[in-house]
Amino acid sequence: MPLTTPFHPRLEPLNQTGIWKHWSGYLVAPQYQYSQTAEYYAIRNAVALLDTSPLFKYRFRGPGAGTLLERALARDVGACAPGRAQYTCWCDERGFVLQDGVVMQVEPGEYLLTAAEPALRHFRRVAREAGIADVSIDDVSRQFGILALQGPHAHDVIRQLTEAATPLRYFGVTPAEIAGCPVTISRTGFTGDLGYEVWVRADDALTLWDALMEAGRGHNITPIGTTALKMARVEAGLLLMGVDFHMSRFAWVDAQRETPLELGWSWMFRKLDQDGRDFVGRAAIESELEQGTSRWTTVGLAVDWHEYERVHAEAGIVAPLHEVYGESTMSIYRRGGKEWDYAGYASSFLTSSLLKKPIAIAKLPPDLAEPGSEVDLEVTVIRRPHNVLARVERPPFFDPPRKTAAMEGSVAR
């Protein structure tokens, strides 16, 4: 039997479509309303509420917790002070990405980390092989639920329930209390917009849900499914594991594996020459940086609307404008050379009604990865392939100032 999240008793009556999917063994709804557009615009124009409880959750405690994470994570967790969070990844010894996630130092020496796939055995193995014994690593996945409150009115909602969220700057973390329930609030999310994520003990989940829904009533708070989230994350240029990259552990060949540099995460290693950690995969990543051996680069693509519209019009149909989101591979070819000169592929595709253009996340060789480079993207119209002009853009495509702006009355933390 599939599992249900702590919020399921509130979510089940809201699912107008009756459609459920599995996420790490839990039931989740791709959408609750019949209109994906309505849920998407709740993120961009109002405030959306999303249950992300199926994420795996791990707690690291003890004198060796920081030492272990410095060894296991590719990004320097030493820069993640108490009350701060970090987007990070962890790699195998050859420098290929195993997973990505968010790590938070909620109290001095106590960390919480989220992952899309099980990772407990991996972290315990790293601790054992490194001889780090003074650390406890616990799977707390079922002990907590997580709600993501996202959108321009997210702060308007949460500040009615606690003053603790207002001082948080981007990627800040704080303990708080909502409706009498202890929670952990982080100013994070997967939408590229203003937002917060709230951890709550499973037994208090429904109390938290009811409090947020009541506080958001005047701001058109809308529960959303995973599809609206995925649409927003493409605009934000955020990569989805299993779509834009895959776990090295489950790959058959190296062509299915990717390094952090190939995923566009070179910014994680800007101060590598000042970082003395011997983290897993360091030697391989240093070699890739020094020798420039990255096979490709993950980029954003903006599709030329006129060509996109033309190939549909020539087929006698109107180009789709709304609710077009795809996770299937789309081939990319070089322009100006011979026809169908394969260059790379797009892994995520969206016709963004907000940006008024189709966009994609793609893999291209380094010589085509500079912003402004032009390529042909293959789109299918009535089962026939057509090439349309696309230009490389540096993601994110949508990056509103409110995402990182200080809230009124806040003090930096």
Protein backbone atom coordinates (compact mmCIF):
# COMPACT_ATOMS: atom_id res chain seq x y z
CA MET A 1 0.00 0.00 0.00
CA PRO A 2 1.31 3.51 -0.77
CA LEU A 3 2.10 5.79 2.13
CA THR A 4 0.27 9.03 2.80
CA THR A 5 1.84 12.22 4.13
CA PRO A 6 0.77 13.78 7.44
CA PHE A 7 -1.25 16.37 5.45
CA HIS A 8 -3.18 13.82 3.38
CA PRO A 9 -6.45 14.08 5.37
CA ARG A 10 -6.68 17.74 4.30
CA LEU A 11 -5.43 17.21 0.75
CA GLU A 12 -7.57 14.25 -0.29
CA PRO A 13 -10.89 16.19 -0.30
CA LEU A 14 -9.25 18.95 -2.39
CA ASN A 15 -8.23 16.67 -5.26
CA GLN A 16 -10.85 17.50 -7.89
CA THR A 17 -9.10 15.41 -10.55
CA GLY A 18 -8.93 12.24 -8.46
CA ILE A 19 -5.43 11.61 -9.87
CA TRP A 20 -2.60 10.53 -7.59
CA LYS A 21 0.99 9.61 -8.35
CA HIS A 22 3.80 8.11 -6.32
CA TRP A 23 6.66 10.15 -4.92
CA SER A 24 9.11 8.03 -2.91
CA GLY A 25 6.28 5.68 -2.03
CA TYR A 26 3.87 8.44 -0.99
CA LEU A 27 0.67 9.50 -2.73
CA VAL A 28 0.94 13.00 -4.21
CA ALA A 29 -1.32 14.88 -6.60
CA PRO A 30 0.06 16.26 -9.88
CA GLN A 31 -2.68 18.87 -9.61
CA TYR A 32 -5.72 19.46 -7.43
CA GLN A 33 -7.68 21.69 -9.79
CA TYR A 34 -8.49 20.89 -13.40
CA SER A 35 -6.50 23.97 -14.42
CA GLN A 36 -2.72 23.74 -14.09
CA THR A 37 -2.59 27.42 -15.02
CA ALA A 38 -4.59 28.42 -11.95
CA GLU A 39 -2.19 26.56 -9.69
CA TYR A 40 0.87 27.94 -11.47
CA TYR A 41 -0.31 31.55 -11.17
CA ALA A 42 -0.98 31.06 -7.48
CA ILE A 43 2.81 30.79 -7.20
CA ARG A 44 3.52 33.87 -9.29
CA ASN A 45 0.61 36.17 -8.32
CA ALA A 46 -0.61 35.14 -4.86
CA VAL A 47 0.56 32.34 -2.57
CA ALA A 48 0.71 28.58 -3.07
CA LEU A 49 0.92 25.78 -0.52
CA LEU A 50 2.68 22.53 -1.47
CA ASP A 51 3.23 19.35 0.52
CA THR A 52 6.85 18.25 0.07
CA SER A 53 6.83 15.71 2.89
CA PRO A 54 7.95 12.76 0.65
CA LEU A 55 11.48 14.17 0.63
CA PHE A 56 13.90 12.04 2.62
CA LYS A 57 15.01 13.86 5.76
CA TYR A 58 18.17 13.25 7.77
CA ARG A 59 19.44 14.68 11.05
CA PHE A 60 23.17 14.89 11.83
CA ARG A 61 24.18 15.55 15.42
CA GLY A 62 27.27 15.31 17.56
CA PRO A 63 30.81 16.75 17.61
CA GLY A 64 31.59 15.04 14.29
CA ALA A 65 28.52 16.20 12.39
CA GLY A 66 30.24 19.13 10.71
CA THR A 67 33.34 17.06 10.01
CA LEU A 68 31.28 14.37 8.31
CA LEU A 69 29.35 16.83 6.14
CA GLU A 70 32.58 18.59 5.16
CA ARG A 71 33.80 15.22 3.91
CA ALA A 72 30.55 14.08 2.28
CA LEU A 73 29.24 17.25 0.62
CA ALA A 74 30.85 18.89 -2.38
CA ARG A 75 30.06 22.42 -1.24
CA ASP A 76 31.82 23.72 1.86
CA VAL A 77 29.33 23.28 4.71
CA GLY A 78 31.73 25.24 6.90
CA ALA A 79 30.23 28.35 5.31
CA CYS A 80 26.78 27.28 6.51
CA ALA A 81 26.62 28.92 9.93
CA PRO A 82 23.94 28.17 12.53
CA GLY A 83 20.68 29.64 11.28
CA ARG A 84 21.66 29.22 7.62
CA ALA A 85 20.86 26.75 4.84
CA GLN A 86 22.79 25.72 1.73
CA TYR A 87 21.90 24.18 -1.60
CA THR A 88 24.51 21.49 -2.19
CA CYS A 89 25.29 18.14 -3.79
CA TRP A 90 27.30 15.03 -3.01
CA CYS A 91 29.41 13.02 -5.42
CA ASP A 92 31.10 9.67 -5.83
CA GLU A 93 34.89 9.32 -5.87
CA ARG A 94 35.01 9.99 -9.61
CA GLY A 95 33.30 13.35 -9.22
CA PHE A 96 29.92 12.31 -10.60
CA VAL A 97 26.83 13.64 -8.82
CA LEU A 98 24.92 11.24 -6.61
CA GLN A 99 22.25 13.67 -5.40
CA ASP A 100 21.50 17.29 -4.61
CA GLY A 101 19.66 18.68 -1.62
CA VAL A 102 19.42 21.41 1.01
CA VAL A 103 21.38 21.24 4.26
CA MET A 104 20.48 23.45 7.25
CA GLN A 105 22.39 24.05 10.46
CA VAL A 106 19.39 24.51 12.72
CA GLU A 107 21.42 24.66 15.94
CA PRO A 108 25.19 24.71 16.50
CA GLY A 109 26.37 21.22 15.53
CA GLU A 110 22.91 20.00 14.46
CA TYR A 111 22.07 19.74 10.76
CA LEU A 112 18.99 18.73 8.78
CA LEU A 113 19.34 17.60 5.17
CA THR A 114 16.77 16.74 2.49
CA ALA A 115 17.28 14.30 -0.37
CA ALA A 116 15.09 13.01 -3.18
CA GLU A 117 16.30 9.42 -2.80
CA PRO A 118 17.49 7.34 0.17
CA ALA A 119 20.96 8.42 1.33
CA LEU A 120 21.31 7.12 4.89
CA ARG A 121 23.58 4.21 3.95
CA HIS A 122 25.79 6.52 1.87
CA PHE A 123 26.40 9.01 4.69
CA ARG A 124 27.00 6.26 7.23
CA ARG A 125 29.50 4.63 4.88
CA VAL A 126 31.36 7.93 4.42
CA ALA A 127 31.49 8.36 8.20
CA ARG A 128 32.78 4.82 8.70
CA GLU A 129 35.45 5.03 6.01
CA ALA A 130 36.61 8.42 7.30
CA GLY A 131 36.77 7.12 10.88
CA ILE A 132 34.24 9.69 12.15
CA ALA A 133 32.54 8.04 15.12
CA ASP A 134 31.23 10.97 17.18
CA VAL A 135 28.20 11.67 15.00
CA SER A 136 24.66 10.32 14.91
CA ILE A 137 22.90 10.11 11.55
CA ASP A 138 19.17 9.54 11.80
CA ASP A 139 16.45 9.09 9.22
CA VAL A 140 13.64 11.39 10.43
CA SER A 141 11.61 11.22 7.21
CA ARG A 142 8.42 9.96 8.85
CA GLN A 143 8.76 12.13 11.92
CA PHE A 144 8.25 15.40 10.05
CA GLY A 145 6.04 16.89 7.37
CA ILE A 146 7.15 19.83 5.23
CA LEU A 147 4.98 22.52 3.66
CA ALA A 148 6.31 24.95 1.04
CA LEU A 149 4.60 28.35 1.17
CA GLN A 150 5.56 30.09 -2.08
CA GLY A 151 4.62 33.28 -3.90
CA PRO A 152 4.64 37.08 -3.56
CA HIS A 153 2.26 36.98 -0.58
CA ALA A 154 4.05 34.19 1.29
CA HIS A 155 5.41 36.59 3.90
CA ASP A 156 2.03 38.29 4.28
CA VAL A 157 0.63 34.92 5.29
CA ILE A 158 3.34 33.58 7.57
CA ARG A 159 3.88 36.82 9.49
CA GLN A 160 0.30 36.56 10.77
CA LEU A 161 1.32 33.37 12.57
CA THR A 162 4.86 34.12 13.75
CA GLU A 163 7.28 37.04 13.89
CA ALA A 164 10.21 34.68 13.46
CA ALA A 165 9.99 34.53 9.65
CA THR A 166 10.31 38.28 9.03
CA PRO A 167 14.04 38.62 9.91
CA LEU A 168 15.03 35.70 7.69
CA ARG A 169 17.08 36.56 4.67
CA TYR A 170 17.37 34.22 1.70
CA PHE A 171 18.41 30.74 2.88
CA GLY A 172 18.00 31.70 6.53
CA VAL A 173 16.63 29.19 9.06
CA THR A 174 14.97 29.64 12.43
CA PRO A 175 12.99 27.69 15.02
CA ALA A 176 9.53 29.10 15.66
CA GLU A 177 6.08 28.29 16.92
CA ILE A 178 2.89 28.33 14.86
CA ALA A 179 -0.51 27.68 16.44
CA GLY A 180 1.24 26.29 19.50
CA CYS A 181 3.32 23.83 17.44
CA PRO A 182 7.13 23.93 17.31
CA VAL A 183 8.34 24.30 13.72
CA THR A 184 11.51 25.04 11.77
CA ILE A 185 11.17 27.73 9.09
CA SER A 186 13.61 28.25 6.23
CA ARG A 187 13.44 30.92 3.55
CA THR A 188 13.88 28.44 0.72
CA GLY A 189 11.88 26.78 -2.05
CA PHE A 190 11.92 25.22 -5.49
CA THR A 191 9.91 27.88 -7.35
CA GLY A 192 12.41 30.73 -7.82
CA ASP A 193 10.04 33.06 -5.97
CA LEU A 194 9.61 34.48 -2.49
CA GLY A 195 8.89 31.55 -0.23
CA TYR A 196 9.30 29.60 2.98
CA GLU A 197 9.47 25.93 3.87
CA VAL A 198 8.09 24.82 7.22
CA TRP A 199 9.08 21.61 8.99
CA VAL A 200 6.58 20.32 11.55
CA ARG A 201 6.28 17.14 13.58
CA ALA A 202 3.87 14.70 11.95
CA ASP A 203 1.46 14.82 14.89
CA ASP A 204 1.11 18.61 14.51
CA ALA A 205 0.81 18.62 10.71
CA LEU A 206 -2.93 19.21 10.46
CA THR A 207 -2.80 22.05 12.98
CA LEU A 208 -0.13 23.77 10.89
CA TRP A 209 -2.11 23.21 7.68
CA ASP A 210 -5.26 24.72 9.13
CA ALA A 211 -3.40 27.71 10.51
CA LEU A 212 -1.71 28.50 7.18
CA MET A 213 -4.91 28.06 5.19
CA GLU A 214 -6.82 30.37 7.54
CA ALA A 215 -4.07 33.00 7.49
CA GLY A 216 -3.93 32.83 3.70
CA ARG A 217 -7.63 33.09 3.09
CA GLY A 218 -7.42 36.79 2.28
CA HIS A 219 -4.48 36.24 -0.09
CA ASN A 220 -6.06 33.56 -2.30
CA ILE A 221 -3.90 30.79 -0.85
CA THR A 222 -4.03 27.79 -3.19
CA PRO A 223 -2.87 24.23 -2.56
CA ILE A 224 -0.90 23.10 -5.61
CA GLY A 225 0.35 19.82 -7.04
CA THR A 226 3.73 18.83 -8.35
CA THR A 227 3.15 19.91 -11.97
CA ALA A 228 2.77 23.61 -11.13
CA LEU A 229 5.92 23.34 -9.04
CA LYS A 230 7.82 21.80 -11.96
CA MET A 231 6.65 24.53 -14.32
CA ALA A 232 7.90 27.22 -11.93
CA ARG A 233 11.25 25.51 -11.37
CA VAL A 234 12.03 25.53 -15.13
CA GLU A 235 11.58 29.32 -15.16
CA ALA A 236 13.87 29.44 -12.12
CA GLY A 237 16.48 27.30 -13.92
CA LEU A 238 16.40 24.68 -11.16
CA LEU A 239 17.36 21.12 -12.08
CA LEU A 240 15.21 18.11 -11.27
CA MET A 241 16.89 14.81 -10.48
CA GLY A 242 15.61 12.01 -12.68
CA VAL A 243 14.90 14.53 -15.45
CA ASP A 244 17.82 16.96 -15.90
CA PHE A 245 20.36 14.61 -14.35
CA HIS A 246 20.47 11.13 -12.84
CA MET A 247 22.07 9.50 -9.82
CA SER A 248 25.53 8.24 -10.64
CA ARG A 249 24.85 5.16 -8.54
CA PHE A 250 22.10 3.90 -10.85
CA ALA A 251 23.70 4.81 -14.19
CA TRP A 252 24.84 2.03 -16.54
CA VAL A 253 27.51 4.06 -18.37
CA ASP A 254 29.33 7.35 -17.84
CA ALA A 255 27.27 9.03 -20.56
CA GLN A 256 24.38 8.87 -18.07
CA ARG A 257 26.45 10.45 -15.31
CA GLU A 258 27.24 14.13 -14.83
CA THR A 259 29.63 16.20 -12.76
CA PRO A 260 28.67 19.33 -10.81
CA LEU A 261 30.56 21.42 -13.37
CA GLU A 262 28.56 19.90 -16.23
CA LEU A 263 25.36 20.70 -14.34
CA GLY A 264 26.30 24.37 -14.14
CA TRP A 265 27.27 24.29 -10.47
CA SER A 266 30.82 25.58 -10.88
CA TRP A 267 29.82 28.45 -8.54
CA MET A 268 29.97 25.91 -5.69
CA PHE A 269 33.75 25.72 -6.17
CA ARG A 270 34.70 29.37 -6.63
CA LYS A 271 36.85 29.31 -3.50
CA LEU A 272 38.14 25.78 -3.91
CA ASP A 273 41.75 26.96 -3.78
CA GLN A 274 41.02 28.30 -0.26
CA ASP A 275 39.17 25.16 0.80
CA GLY A 276 41.35 22.48 2.36
CA ARG A 277 38.66 19.82 2.71
CA ASP A 278 39.26 16.35 1.31
CA PHE A 279 35.65 15.90 0.21
CA VAL A 280 34.51 12.90 -1.79
CA GLY A 281 35.22 13.52 -5.48
CA ARG A 282 37.54 16.48 -4.95
CA ALA A 283 40.49 15.13 -6.96
CA ALA A 284 38.28 14.43 -9.98
CA ILE A 285 36.60 17.85 -9.82
CA GLU A 286 39.96 19.63 -9.50
CA SER A 287 41.24 17.72 -12.52
CA GLU A 288 38.17 18.66 -14.54
CA LEU A 289 38.61 22.31 -13.62
CA GLU A 290 42.32 22.37 -14.42
CA GLN A 291 42.14 20.41 -17.68
CA GLY A 292 38.79 21.71 -18.93
CA THR A 293 37.47 18.21 -19.57
CA SER A 294 33.76 18.92 -19.05
CA ARG A 295 31.88 17.12 -21.80
CA TRP A 296 28.96 19.54 -21.87
CA THR A 297 27.34 22.39 -19.97
CA THR A 298 23.79 22.71 -18.68
CA VAL A 299 22.22 25.88 -20.09
CA GLY A 300 18.93 27.63 -20.58
CA LEU A 301 17.35 27.88 -24.03
CA ALA A 302 14.86 30.49 -25.20
CA VAL A 303 13.00 29.30 -28.27
CA ASP A 304 12.30 31.80 -31.04
CA TRP A 305 8.56 32.32 -30.82
CA HIS A 306 8.11 33.20 -34.49
CA GLU A 307 9.70 29.95 -35.67
CA TYR A 308 7.82 27.95 -33.07
CA GLU A 309 4.56 29.47 -34.24
CA ARG A 310 5.48 29.01 -37.93
CA VAL A 311 6.07 25.25 -37.79
CA HIS A 312 2.72 24.78 -36.11
CA ALA A 313 0.91 27.11 -38.53
CA GLU A 314 2.40 25.25 -41.51
CA ALA A 315 0.93 22.07 -40.08
CA GLY A 316 -2.48 23.76 -39.84
CA ILE A 317 -2.68 24.08 -36.06
CA VAL A 318 -2.24 26.79 -33.45
CA ALA A 319 0.98 26.71 -31.46
CA PRO A 320 0.21 25.64 -27.87
CA LEU A 321 0.53 28.52 -25.44
CA HIS A 322 -0.52 27.16 -22.06
CA GLU A 323 0.09 24.14 -19.86
CA VAL A 324 2.82 22.66 -22.08
CA TYR A 325 5.41 21.08 -19.81
CA GLY A 326 7.62 18.22 -20.92
CA GLU A 327 10.33 16.02 -19.40
CA SER A 328 11.22 14.01 -22.50
CA THR A 329 14.49 14.33 -24.44
CA MET A 330 14.44 16.83 -27.33
CA SER A 331 17.42 16.76 -29.71
CA ILE A 332 19.47 19.87 -30.46
CA TYR A 333 21.47 20.48 -33.66
CA ARG A 334 24.10 22.95 -34.77
CA ARG A 335 22.99 25.76 -37.05
CA GLY A 336 24.88 26.74 -40.17
CA GLY A 337 26.40 23.34 -40.77
CA LYS A 338 24.92 20.30 -42.41
CA GLU A 339 21.32 19.55 -41.50
CA TRP A 340 20.74 17.40 -38.39
CA ASP A 341 24.26 17.92 -37.03
CA TYR A 342 23.60 16.64 -33.50
CA ALA A 343 24.90 18.87 -30.70
CA GLY A 344 23.00 17.99 -27.51
CA TYR A 345 19.55 17.74 -26.03
CA ALA A 346 16.94 19.49 -23.92
CA SER A 347 15.71 17.66 -20.84
CA SER A 348 12.92 20.00 -19.64
CA PHE A 349 10.62 22.10 -21.85
CA LEU A 350 7.98 24.69 -20.94
CA THR A 351 5.85 27.17 -22.83
CA SER A 352 5.97 29.93 -20.24
CA SER A 353 2.80 32.00 -20.28
CA LEU A 354 4.47 34.44 -17.90
CA LEU A 355 7.51 35.02 -20.10
CA LYS A 356 5.55 34.68 -23.37
CA LYS A 357 7.98 32.20 -24.91
CA PRO A 358 8.96 28.54 -24.88
CA ILE A 359 12.01 27.81 -22.72
CA ALA A 360 14.09 24.73 -21.98
CA ILE A 361 16.90 23.34 -19.86
CA ALA A 362 19.50 21.77 -22.13
CA LYS A 363 22.93 20.15 -22.41
CA LEU A 364 25.34 21.58 -24.96
CA PRO A 365 29.07 21.21 -25.69
CA PRO A 366 31.17 24.05 -24.19
CA ASP A 367 31.67 25.79 -27.55
CA LEU A 368 27.89 26.32 -27.87
CA ALA A 369 27.18 27.11 -24.22
CA GLU A 370 27.86 30.86 -24.23
CA PRO A 371 24.79 33.13 -23.92
CA GLY A 372 23.59 34.21 -27.34
CA SER A 373 24.73 31.04 -29.14
CA GLU A 374 22.14 29.82 -31.63
CA VAL A 375 21.08 26.21 -32.12
CA ASP A 376 18.19 24.27 -33.63
CA LEU A 377 15.81 22.59 -31.20
CA GLU A 378 13.77 19.70 -32.54
CA VAL A 379 10.05 19.96 -31.75
CA THR A 380 7.40 17.49 -32.80
CA VAL A 381 4.28 18.79 -34.55
CA ILE A 382 1.64 16.19 -35.41
CA ARG A 383 4.19 13.40 -35.03
CA ARG A 384 6.75 15.04 -37.36
CA PRO A 385 10.08 16.60 -36.25
CA HIS A 386 10.80 20.24 -37.05
CA ASN A 387 13.82 22.37 -36.17
CA VAL A 388 13.25 25.79 -34.62
CA LEU A 389 15.74 28.47 -33.64
CA ALA A 390 16.72 28.62 -29.96
CA ARG A 391 19.23 30.87 -28.20
CA VAL A 392 21.29 30.10 -25.15
CA GLU A 393 20.39 32.12 -22.07
CA ARG A 394 21.94 32.06 -18.63
CA PRO A 395 19.32 30.82 -16.17
CA PRO A 396 17.27 31.72 -14.26
CA PHE A 397 14.77 32.92 -16.84
CA PHE A 398 12.66 34.48 -14.06
CA ASP A 399 14.35 35.98 -11.02
CA PRO A 400 12.13 38.50 -9.19
CA PRO A 401 13.81 40.80 -6.65
CA ARG A 402 11.25 39.75 -4.01
CA LYS A 403 12.85 36.29 -3.85
CA THR A 404 15.85 37.63 -1.93
CA ALA A 405 14.58 41.03 -0.74
CA ALA A 406 14.57 41.92 2.95
CA MET A 407 11.10 41.92 4.44
CA GLU A 408 9.77 45.13 5.95
CA GLY A 409 10.94 45.46 9.52
CA SER A 410 13.52 42.71 9.15
CA VAL A 411 17.01 42.52 10.57
CA ALA A 412 19.59 40.58 8.55
CA ARG A 413 20.16 37.05 9.76
